[in-house]
Amino acid sequence: MDIAIREARPDDAEAVVGILNPVIETGKYTVLDGPLSVEEERQFILSFPPRGIFHVAESRPDGQVVGLQTMEPFAAYTHAFDHVGIIATCVDPGCRRQGIGKRLFEATFDAARQKGYEKIFTYVRGDNLVALVAYAKCGFRIVGTAQRHAKCGGRYVDEIIIEKFL
């Protein structure tokens, strides 16, 4: 698939929600437990941290948003973590295994280095093997497991803690 990676804009909110909400509804891949509104997503994009990175993958030539990746500063309450970002990734389920995630990671890694990040960190549901494999292919390594960390649909889910040094 021919795609371009670019920064998210407020007018991407509807497309982003169109990708995220079906994934949330499955109850399988994320700890998000309720649908997002277009207005909530628009506000999220508008208030995104200045050191944050919010990329979308846009298919060419139709301009459809088919994936997204965010990275935010890990913690704002101290400068001790200024070098650490926390990442989240989502690719439209109908567009997976076409290199979209790989392109998002490449763009985010480049932007992260330019913004002074040295490490990327995140949690992945322990039962989300698709995401764990994708992150591993991009150089992330497992550093631990937070057992029974999330309660989704009335059952506990482990969160796998992963990181990558840039």
C-alpha atoms as a PDB file:
ATOM      1  CA  MET A   1       0.000   0.000   0.000  1.00  0.00           C
ATOM      2  CA  ASP A   2       1.285   3.450  -0.895  1.00  0.00           C
ATOM      3  CA  ILE A   3       1.104   5.598   2.237  1.00  0.00           C
ATOM      4  CA  ALA A   4       2.360   8.892   3.550  1.00  0.00           C
ATOM      5  CA  ILE A   5       3.054   9.557   7.225  1.00  0.00           C
ATOM      6  CA  ARG A   6       2.170  13.011   8.474  1.00  0.00           C
ATOM      7  CA  GLU A   7       1.275  14.852  11.658  1.00  0.00           C
ATOM      8  CA  ALA A   8      -2.321  14.519  12.799  1.00  0.00           C
ATOM      9  CA  ARG A   9      -4.631  17.492  12.351  1.00  0.00           C
ATOM     10  CA  PRO A  10      -7.883  18.295  14.149  1.00  0.00           C
ATOM     11  CA  ASP A  11      -9.830  17.423  10.993  1.00  0.00           C
ATOM     12  CA  ASP A  12      -8.447  13.844  11.268  1.00  0.00           C
ATOM     13  CA  ALA A  13     -10.560  13.266  14.396  1.00  0.00           C
ATOM     14  CA  GLU A  14     -13.398  11.494  12.578  1.00  0.00           C
ATOM     15  CA  ALA A  15     -11.013   9.146  10.750  1.00  0.00           C
ATOM     16  CA  VAL A  16      -9.069   8.404  13.937  1.00  0.00           C
ATOM     17  CA  VAL A  17     -12.270   7.568  15.827  1.00  0.00           C
ATOM     18  CA  GLY A  18     -13.311   5.438  12.853  1.00  0.00           C
ATOM     19  CA  ILE A  19     -10.190   3.324  13.393  1.00  0.00           C
ATOM     20  CA  LEU A  20     -10.160   3.285  17.190  1.00  0.00           C
ATOM     21  CA  ASN A  21     -13.815   2.644  18.022  1.00  0.00           C
ATOM     22  CA  PRO A  22     -14.159  -0.683  16.157  1.00  0.00           C
ATOM     23  CA  VAL A  23     -10.969  -1.882  17.895  1.00  0.00           C
ATOM     24  CA  ILE A  24     -12.299  -0.734  21.283  1.00  0.00           C
ATOM     25  CA  GLU A  25     -15.616  -2.498  20.617  1.00  0.00           C
ATOM     26  CA  THR A  26     -13.891  -5.873  20.163  1.00  0.00           C
ATOM     27  CA  GLY A  27     -12.692  -5.717  23.777  1.00  0.00           C
ATOM     28  CA  LYS A  28      -9.535  -7.578  22.712  1.00  0.00           C
ATOM     29  CA  TYR A  29      -6.669  -5.279  21.820  1.00  0.00           C
ATOM     30  CA  THR A  30      -6.837  -2.253  24.080  1.00  0.00           C
ATOM     31  CA  VAL A  31      -7.697  -1.327  27.647  1.00  0.00           C
ATOM     32  CA  LEU A  32      -9.848   1.534  26.358  1.00  0.00           C
ATOM     33  CA  ASP A  33     -13.327   0.499  27.391  1.00  0.00           C
ATOM     34  CA  GLY A  34     -15.709   2.920  25.779  1.00  0.00           C
ATOM     35  CA  PRO A  35     -16.214   4.567  22.419  1.00  0.00           C
ATOM     36  CA  LEU A  36     -14.642   7.914  21.688  1.00  0.00           C
ATOM     37  CA  SER A  37     -16.544  10.819  20.182  1.00  0.00           C
ATOM     38  CA  VAL A  38     -15.237  12.851  17.276  1.00  0.00           C
ATOM     39  CA  GLU A  39     -15.265  15.960  19.452  1.00  0.00           C
ATOM     40  CA  GLU A  40     -13.280  14.227  22.237  1.00  0.00           C
ATOM     41  CA  GLU A  41     -10.677  13.153  19.689  1.00  0.00           C
ATOM     42  CA  ARG A  42     -10.540  16.617  18.123  1.00  0.00           C
ATOM     43  CA  GLN A  43      -9.871  18.107  21.579  1.00  0.00           C
ATOM     44  CA  PHE A  44      -7.239  15.434  22.230  1.00  0.00           C
ATOM     45  CA  ILE A  45      -5.430  16.407  19.014  1.00  0.00           C
ATOM     46  CA  LEU A  46      -5.745  20.130  19.743  1.00  0.00           C
ATOM     47  CA  SER A  47      -4.372  19.760  23.270  1.00  0.00           C
ATOM     48  CA  PHE A  48      -1.617  17.302  22.382  1.00  0.00           C
ATOM     49  CA  PRO A  49       1.623  18.107  24.278  1.00  0.00           C
ATOM     50  CA  PRO A  50       4.173  20.231  22.392  1.00  0.00           C
ATOM     51  CA  ARG A  51       6.832  17.504  22.800  1.00  0.00           C
ATOM     52  CA  GLY A  52       4.339  14.871  21.757  1.00  0.00           C
ATOM     53  CA  ILE A  53       4.260  13.144  18.402  1.00  0.00           C
ATOM     54  CA  PHE A  54       0.972  12.253  16.732  1.00  0.00           C
ATOM     55  CA  HIS A  55       1.326  10.682  13.313  1.00  0.00           C
ATOM     56  CA  VAL A  56      -1.292   9.340  10.963  1.00  0.00           C
ATOM     57  CA  ALA A  57      -0.743   7.039   8.007  1.00  0.00           C
ATOM     58  CA  GLU A  58      -2.618   8.249   4.974  1.00  0.00           C
ATOM     59  CA  SER A  59      -3.186   6.023   1.948  1.00  0.00           C
ATOM     60  CA  ARG A  60      -2.407   7.508  -1.430  1.00  0.00           C
ATOM     61  CA  PRO A  61      -3.956   8.732  -3.565  1.00  0.00           C
ATOM     62  CA  ASP A  62      -7.326   8.672  -1.733  1.00  0.00           C
ATOM     63  CA  GLY A  63      -6.085  10.309   1.488  1.00  0.00           C
ATOM     64  CA  GLN A  64      -7.838   7.822   3.801  1.00  0.00           C
ATOM     65  CA  VAL A  65      -6.314   7.603   7.293  1.00  0.00           C
ATOM     66  CA  VAL A  66      -5.422   3.925   7.843  1.00  0.00           C
ATOM     67  CA  GLY A  67      -3.294   4.073  10.993  1.00  0.00           C
ATOM     68  CA  LEU A  68      -2.092   6.274  13.802  1.00  0.00           C
ATOM     69  CA  GLN A  69       0.645   6.439  16.378  1.00  0.00           C
ATOM     70  CA  THR A  70       1.035   8.730  19.364  1.00  0.00           C
ATOM     71  CA  MET A  71       3.952   9.351  21.645  1.00  0.00           C
ATOM     72  CA  GLU A  72       3.708  11.591  24.680  1.00  0.00           C
ATOM     73  CA  PRO A  73       6.134  12.534  27.427  1.00  0.00           C
ATOM     74  CA  PHE A  74       6.101   9.796  30.067  1.00  0.00           C
ATOM     75  CA  ALA A  75       5.553  12.121  33.030  1.00  0.00           C
ATOM     76  CA  ALA A  76       5.076  15.846  33.409  1.00  0.00           C
ATOM     77  CA  TYR A  77       5.580  16.055  37.171  1.00  0.00           C
ATOM     78  CA  THR A  78       9.396  15.755  37.010  1.00  0.00           C
ATOM     79  CA  HIS A  79      12.199  16.316  34.518  1.00  0.00           C
ATOM     80  CA  ALA A  80      13.733  12.963  35.491  1.00  0.00           C
ATOM     81  CA  PHE A  81      11.722  11.315  32.697  1.00  0.00           C
ATOM     82  CA  ASP A  82      12.154  13.957  29.977  1.00  0.00           C
ATOM     83  CA  HIS A  83      14.063  11.434  27.866  1.00  0.00           C
ATOM     84  CA  VAL A  84      11.188   8.868  27.959  1.00  0.00           C
ATOM     85  CA  GLY A  85       8.103   8.808  25.769  1.00  0.00           C
ATOM     86  CA  ILE A  86       5.078   6.530  25.978  1.00  0.00           C
ATOM     87  CA  ILE A  87       3.785   5.215  22.671  1.00  0.00           C
ATOM     88  CA  ALA A  88       0.483   3.877  21.340  1.00  0.00           C
ATOM     89  CA  THR A  89      -0.205   2.432  17.891  1.00  0.00           C
ATOM     90  CA  CYS A  90      -3.319   1.435  15.971  1.00  0.00           C
ATOM     91  CA  VAL A  91      -3.684   0.308  12.359  1.00  0.00           C
ATOM     92  CA  ASP A  92      -7.057  -0.196  10.699  1.00  0.00           C
ATOM     93  CA  PRO A  93      -7.718  -3.949  11.013  1.00  0.00           C
ATOM     94  CA  GLY A  94      -8.495  -4.182   7.302  1.00  0.00           C
ATOM     95  CA  CYS A  95      -5.106  -2.695   6.419  1.00  0.00           C
ATOM     96  CA  ARG A  96      -2.776  -4.698   8.647  1.00  0.00           C
ATOM     97  CA  ARG A  97       0.294  -6.589   7.409  1.00  0.00           C
ATOM     98  CA  GLN A  98       0.960  -4.009   4.706  1.00  0.00           C
ATOM     99  CA  GLY A  99       3.884  -2.161   6.297  1.00  0.00           C
ATOM    100  CA  ILE A 100       1.815   0.680   7.781  1.00  0.00           C
ATOM    101  CA  GLY A 101       2.950   0.068  11.354  1.00  0.00           C
ATOM    102  CA  LYS A 102       6.573  -0.171  10.269  1.00  0.00           C
ATOM    103  CA  ARG A 103       6.344   3.181   8.498  1.00  0.00           C
ATOM    104  CA  LEU A 104       4.667   4.783  11.524  1.00  0.00           C
ATOM    105  CA  PHE A 105       7.415   3.481  13.822  1.00  0.00           C
ATOM    106  CA  GLU A 106      10.175   4.776  11.510  1.00  0.00           C
ATOM    107  CA  ALA A 107       8.638   8.261  11.387  1.00  0.00           C
ATOM    108  CA  THR A 108       8.010   8.349  15.136  1.00  0.00           C
ATOM    109  CA  PHE A 109      11.525   7.148  15.977  1.00  0.00           C
ATOM    110  CA  ASP A 110      13.006   9.919  13.783  1.00  0.00           C
ATOM    111  CA  ALA A 111      10.753  12.592  15.291  1.00  0.00           C
ATOM    112  CA  ALA A 112      11.448  11.301  18.816  1.00  0.00           C
ATOM    113  CA  ARG A 113      15.201  11.618  18.355  1.00  0.00           C
ATOM    114  CA  GLN A 114      14.751  15.178  17.069  1.00  0.00           C
ATOM    115  CA  LYS A 115      12.708  16.043  20.164  1.00  0.00           C
ATOM    116  CA  GLY A 116      15.338  14.683  22.533  1.00  0.00           C
ATOM    117  CA  TYR A 117      13.812  11.355  23.468  1.00  0.00           C
ATOM    118  CA  GLU A 118      16.169   8.479  24.224  1.00  0.00           C
ATOM    119  CA  LYS A 119      13.729   5.766  25.259  1.00  0.00           C
ATOM    120  CA  ILE A 120      10.222   4.680  24.308  1.00  0.00           C
ATOM    121  CA  PHE A 121       8.066   2.795  26.752  1.00  0.00           C
ATOM    122  CA  THR A 122       4.573   1.307  26.749  1.00  0.00           C
ATOM    123  CA  TYR A 123       2.227  -1.347  28.064  1.00  0.00           C
ATOM    124  CA  VAL A 124       0.580  -3.933  25.783  1.00  0.00           C
ATOM    125  CA  ARG A 125      -2.218  -6.258  26.796  1.00  0.00           C
ATOM    126  CA  GLY A 126      -0.730  -9.661  27.488  1.00  0.00           C
ATOM    127  CA  ASP A 127      -3.300 -11.287  25.205  1.00  0.00           C
ATOM    128  CA  ASN A 128      -2.561  -8.934  22.281  1.00  0.00           C
ATOM    129  CA  LEU A 129       0.006 -11.087  20.506  1.00  0.00           C
ATOM    130  CA  VAL A 130      -0.364  -9.144  17.244  1.00  0.00           C
ATOM    131  CA  ALA A 131       0.837  -5.955  18.944  1.00  0.00           C
ATOM    132  CA  LEU A 132       3.588  -7.703  20.893  1.00  0.00           C
ATOM    133  CA  VAL A 133       4.993  -9.186  17.675  1.00  0.00           C
ATOM    134  CA  ALA A 134       4.762  -5.845  15.859  1.00  0.00           C
ATOM    135  CA  TYR A 135       6.579  -4.000  18.639  1.00  0.00           C
ATOM    136  CA  ALA A 136       9.240  -6.738  18.859  1.00  0.00           C
ATOM    137  CA  LYS A 137       9.888  -6.444  15.107  1.00  0.00           C
ATOM    138  CA  CYS A 138      10.569  -2.746  15.671  1.00  0.00           C
ATOM    139  CA  GLY A 139      13.139  -3.380  18.379  1.00  0.00           C
ATOM    140  CA  PHE A 140      11.100  -3.287  21.578  1.00  0.00           C
ATOM    141  CA  ARG A 141      11.923  -5.745  24.330  1.00  0.00           C
ATOM    142  CA  ILE A 142       9.843  -7.050  27.179  1.00  0.00           C
ATOM    143  CA  VAL A 143      11.006  -5.817  30.576  1.00  0.00           C
ATOM    144  CA  GLY A 144       8.219  -7.152  32.760  1.00  0.00           C
ATOM    145  CA  THR A 145       4.623  -8.067  33.328  1.00  0.00           C
ATOM    146  CA  ALA A 146       2.114  -6.163  35.406  1.00  0.00           C
ATOM    147  CA  GLN A 147      -0.134  -9.022  36.450  1.00  0.00           C
ATOM    148  CA  ARG A 148      -3.885  -8.497  36.606  1.00  0.00           C
ATOM    149  CA  HIS A 149      -3.156  -4.855  35.794  1.00  0.00           C
ATOM    150  CA  ALA A 150      -6.335  -4.084  33.845  1.00  0.00           C
ATOM    151  CA  LYS A 151      -9.867  -5.271  34.349  1.00  0.00           C
ATOM    152  CA  CYS A 152     -11.588  -5.506  30.996  1.00  0.00           C
ATOM    153  CA  GLY A 153     -15.061  -6.889  30.540  1.00  0.00           C
ATOM    154  CA  GLY A 154     -15.074  -8.192  34.083  1.00  0.00           C
ATOM    155  CA  ARG A 155     -11.840 -10.149  33.772  1.00  0.00           C
ATOM    156  CA  TYR A 156      -8.269  -9.317  34.670  1.00  0.00           C
ATOM    157  CA  VAL A 157      -5.687  -8.826  31.935  1.00  0.00           C
ATOM    158  CA  ASP A 158      -1.920  -8.712  32.329  1.00  0.00           C
ATOM    159  CA  GLU A 159      -0.067  -5.776  30.805  1.00  0.00           C
ATOM    160  CA  ILE A 160       3.313  -6.481  29.230  1.00  0.00           C
ATOM    161  CA  ILE A 161       5.810  -3.686  29.831  1.00  0.00           C
ATOM    162  CA  ILE A 162       8.045  -3.053  26.822  1.00  0.00           C
ATOM    163  CA  GLU A 163      10.731  -0.530  25.938  1.00  0.00           C
ATOM    164  CA  LYS A 164      13.098   0.503  23.195  1.00  0.00           C
ATOM    165  CA  PHE A 165      16.189   2.676  23.447  1.00  0.00           C
ATOM    166  CA  LEU A 166      16.677   4.995  20.484  1.00  0.00           C
END
